[in-house]
N, C-alpha and C. Protein backbone atom coordinates (compact mmCIF):
# COMPACT_ATOMS: atom_id res chain seq x y z
N ASN A 1 -19.91 0.61 0.85
CA ASN A 1 -18.47 0.87 0.84
C ASN A 1 -17.64 0.21 1.25
N THR A 2 -16.04 -0.77 0.85
CA THR A 2 -16.10 -1.11 1.28
C THR A 2 -14.80 -0.29 1.44
N VAL A 3 -13.62 -0.78 2.82
CA VAL A 3 -12.08 -0.18 3.14
C VAL A 3 -11.86 0.36 2.62
N ALA A 4 -11.25 -1.05 1.15
CA ALA A 4 -10.79 -0.83 -0.33
C ALA A 4 -11.26 0.19 -1.06
N THR A 5 -12.27 0.66 -1.26
CA THR A 5 -12.85 1.36 -2.27
C THR A 5 -13.34 2.80 -1.69
N MET A 6 -12.77 2.91 0.39
CA MET A 6 -13.32 4.31 0.05
C MET A 6 -12.00 5.31 1.20
N ARG A 7 -12.30 6.81 0.76
CA ARG A 7 -10.78 7.19 0.77
C ARG A 7 -11.09 8.13 2.34
N LEU A 8 -9.85 7.53 3.28
CA LEU A 8 -10.14 7.63 4.11
C LEU A 8 -9.15 8.74 4.51
N SER A 9 -8.86 9.46 5.31
CA SER A 9 -7.83 10.24 6.01
C SER A 9 -6.90 9.19 7.32
N GLY A 10 -6.29 9.55 7.26
CA GLY A 10 -4.24 8.72 7.90
C GLY A 10 -5.84 8.91 8.98
N GLU A 11 -6.44 9.62 10.54
CA GLU A 11 -6.97 9.75 11.18
C GLU A 11 -7.72 8.58 11.45
N GLU A 12 -9.20 9.07 10.52
CA GLU A 12 -10.46 7.66 9.91
C GLU A 12 -9.33 6.57 9.44
N ALA A 13 -8.21 6.11 9.03
CA ALA A 13 -7.57 4.85 8.86
C ALA A 13 -7.43 3.68 10.42
N ILE A 14 -6.37 5.21 11.10
CA ILE A 14 -6.22 4.96 11.96
C ILE A 14 -7.36 3.83 12.73
N GLU A 15 -8.41 5.21 12.79
CA GLU A 15 -9.58 4.38 14.08
C GLU A 15 -10.33 3.25 13.71
N SER A 16 -10.78 3.05 12.18
CA SER A 16 -11.42 2.11 11.69
C SER A 16 -10.35 0.29 11.78
N GLU A 17 -9.19 0.69 12.29
CA GLU A 17 -8.26 -0.16 11.77
C GLU A 17 -8.27 -0.83 10.05
N ALA A 18 -7.99 -0.22 9.43
CA ALA A 18 -7.81 -0.31 8.14
C ALA A 18 -6.36 -0.07 8.21
N LEU A 19 -5.57 0.96 8.62
CA LEU A 19 -4.49 0.70 8.98
C LEU A 19 -3.89 0.91 10.02
N LEU A 20 -3.14 0.24 10.40
CA LEU A 20 -2.29 -0.43 11.68
C LEU A 20 -0.91 0.67 12.47
N VAL A 21 -0.93 1.80 13.03
CA VAL A 21 0.33 1.78 13.57
C VAL A 21 0.72 1.96 14.95
N GLY A 22 1.99 1.36 15.37
CA GLY A 22 2.25 1.50 17.06
C GLY A 22 3.58 0.56 16.95
N SER A 23 3.96 0.17 18.69
CA SER A 23 4.44 -0.72 18.86
C SER A 23 5.10 -2.22 18.22
N PRO A 24 5.59 -3.14 18.34
CA PRO A 24 5.48 -4.36 18.09
C PRO A 24 4.12 -4.80 19.31
N LYS A 25 4.31 -4.11 20.52
CA LYS A 25 3.92 -5.08 21.36
C LYS A 25 2.07 -4.25 20.92
N THR A 26 1.62 -2.89 20.86
CA THR A 26 0.88 -2.62 19.52
C THR A 26 0.04 -3.04 18.21
N ILE A 27 0.79 -3.66 17.99
CA ILE A 27 0.58 -4.55 16.95
C ILE A 27 0.05 -6.12 16.46
N LYS A 28 0.98 -6.52 17.59
CA LYS A 28 1.24 -7.94 17.84
C LYS A 28 -0.96 -8.23 18.44
N ASP A 29 -0.95 -7.75 19.55
CA ASP A 29 -2.64 -6.77 20.31
C ASP A 29 -3.43 -7.68 18.92
N TYR A 30 -3.24 -6.78 18.34
CA TYR A 30 -4.04 -6.37 17.52
C TYR A 30 -4.10 -7.62 16.51
N VAL A 31 -3.35 -7.93 15.56
CA VAL A 31 -3.53 -9.51 14.90
C VAL A 31 -4.07 -10.60 15.89
N GLU A 32 -3.81 -10.96 17.34
CA GLU A 32 -3.92 -11.24 18.49
C GLU A 32 -6.37 -11.46 18.85
N ARG A 33 -5.91 -10.20 18.96
CA ARG A 33 -8.05 -9.93 17.98
C ARG A 33 -7.94 -10.27 17.47
N TYR A 34 -8.01 -9.89 16.47
CA TYR A 34 -7.73 -10.11 15.21
C TYR A 34 -8.85 -11.67 14.69
N VAL A 35 -7.16 -12.80 14.85
CA VAL A 35 -6.92 -13.93 15.19
C VAL A 35 -8.56 -14.40 15.91
N GLU A 36 -8.27 -14.25 17.36
CA GLU A 36 -9.57 -15.01 18.08
C GLU A 36 -10.70 -14.30 17.73
N GLU A 37 -11.10 -12.89 16.99
CA GLU A 37 -12.75 -12.39 16.86
C GLU A 37 -12.83 -12.86 15.26
N SER A 38 -11.87 -13.15 14.45
CA SER A 38 -12.33 -13.41 13.45
C SER A 38 -11.93 -16.00 12.93
N GLY A 39 -11.38 -15.81 13.79
CA GLY A 39 -10.86 -17.18 13.46
C GLY A 39 -9.94 -17.82 12.06
N ALA A 40 -9.67 -16.01 11.97
CA ALA A 40 -9.01 -16.64 10.59
C ALA A 40 -7.42 -17.07 10.49
N ASN A 41 -7.13 -17.85 9.96
CA ASN A 41 -5.96 -18.63 10.56
C ASN A 41 -4.88 -18.15 9.00
N TYR A 42 -4.61 -16.95 8.61
CA TYR A 42 -3.89 -16.44 8.24
C TYR A 42 -3.23 -15.02 8.21
N PHE A 43 -3.16 -13.91 8.10
CA PHE A 43 -2.94 -12.90 7.98
C PHE A 43 -1.77 -11.80 6.84
N CYS A 44 -2.28 -11.12 5.96
CA CYS A 44 -1.34 -10.94 5.02
C CYS A 44 -1.20 -9.33 5.80
N ALA A 45 0.08 -8.93 5.82
CA ALA A 45 -0.02 -7.39 5.28
C ALA A 45 0.98 -6.91 4.09
N SER A 46 0.44 -5.23 4.56
CA SER A 46 1.18 -4.70 3.43
C SER A 46 1.66 -3.17 4.03
N PHE A 47 3.53 -3.46 3.51
CA PHE A 47 3.69 -2.25 4.37
C PHE A 47 3.96 -1.04 3.88
N GLN A 48 3.35 0.08 4.26
CA GLN A 48 3.62 1.27 2.95
C GLN A 48 5.53 1.88 4.18
N TRP A 49 5.92 2.62 3.28
CA TRP A 49 7.36 2.73 3.60
C TRP A 49 7.02 5.13 4.43
N GLY A 50 6.59 4.78 2.85
CA GLY A 50 5.91 6.96 2.69
C GLY A 50 7.17 7.35 3.01
N ASP A 51 7.51 8.25 4.14
CA ASP A 51 9.20 8.90 4.24
C ASP A 51 10.39 8.20 4.68
N LEU A 52 10.42 7.12 4.46
CA LEU A 52 10.81 6.87 6.22
C LEU A 52 12.32 5.94 5.29
N THR A 53 13.47 6.37 5.38
CA THR A 53 14.45 6.23 4.56
C THR A 53 14.76 4.92 5.30
N HIS A 54 15.71 3.76 3.68
CA HIS A 54 16.32 2.01 4.60
C HIS A 54 15.89 2.36 5.53
N ALA A 55 17.40 2.50 6.33
CA ALA A 55 17.19 1.91 7.70
C ALA A 55 15.78 2.04 8.23
N GLU A 56 15.41 3.11 9.16
CA GLU A 56 14.25 3.52 9.64
C GLU A 56 13.27 1.98 8.83
N ALA A 57 13.00 1.97 7.21
CA ALA A 57 12.29 0.60 7.34
C ALA A 57 13.18 -0.86 7.65
N SER A 58 13.68 -0.69 7.58
CA SER A 58 14.44 -1.89 7.96
C SER A 58 14.17 -2.01 9.18
N LYS A 59 13.92 -1.45 10.33
CA LYS A 59 14.24 -1.76 12.14
C LYS A 59 12.67 -2.12 11.61
N SER A 60 11.57 -0.93 11.28
CA SER A 60 10.22 -1.63 11.64
C SER A 60 9.97 -2.80 11.18
N LEU A 61 11.25 -2.95 9.58
CA LEU A 61 10.82 -4.34 8.99
C LEU A 61 10.72 -5.63 10.12
N ARG A 62 11.88 -5.29 10.56
CA ARG A 62 13.08 -6.04 11.64
C ARG A 62 12.42 -5.96 12.62
N LEU A 63 11.41 -5.24 13.97
CA LEU A 63 10.63 -5.14 15.09
C LEU A 63 9.72 -5.54 14.90
N PHE A 64 8.54 -5.95 13.40
CA PHE A 64 7.23 -6.92 13.09
C PHE A 64 8.17 -8.34 13.23
N THR A 65 9.53 -8.75 12.74
CA THR A 65 9.66 -10.25 12.46
C THR A 65 10.46 -10.51 13.46
N GLU A 66 11.01 -9.56 14.07
CA GLU A 66 11.44 -10.31 15.88
C GLU A 66 10.25 -10.13 16.58
N HIS A 67 9.21 -9.25 16.62
CA HIS A 67 8.31 -9.14 18.41
C HIS A 67 6.85 -9.35 17.58
N VAL A 68 6.28 -9.59 16.65
CA VAL A 68 5.12 -10.22 15.97
C VAL A 68 5.13 -11.17 15.72
N MET A 69 5.50 -11.50 14.60
CA MET A 69 5.70 -12.66 13.76
C MET A 69 5.70 -14.50 14.73
N PRO A 70 7.20 -13.83 15.24
CA PRO A 70 6.75 -15.32 16.56
C PRO A 70 5.46 -16.02 17.52
N ALA A 71 4.93 -14.66 17.97
CA ALA A 71 3.36 -14.82 18.64
C ALA A 71 2.62 -15.85 17.71
N PHE A 72 3.15 -16.03 16.51
CA PHE A 72 1.88 -16.52 15.06
C PHE A 72 2.65 -17.08 14.85
N THR A 73 3.67 -18.37 14.76
CA THR A 73 4.16 -19.67 14.20
C THR A 73 3.21 -20.56 15.31
N LYS A 74 3.29 -21.62 14.16
CA LYS A 74 3.43 -22.79 15.36
C LYS A 74 4.11 -23.78 15.81
N ALA A 75 4.38 -24.06 16.34
CA ALA A 75 5.19 -24.86 17.19
C ALA A 75 5.69 -26.46 16.49
């Protein structure tokens, strides 16, 4: 089974890194490790907002774009 076809609990998804949650630093550190270990030159993210309000979802996306993405842009 691939992660895409498996049914995981929230805890299992976080443990297997199929689901990422945390501070901007936590997410940035994961992406850095992922890129380093895999040699990937791109990263696709899918944001799931669940029951977050529009304001909460906007803040989450803003934190990602301001604190995570800049670490991976080429000069």
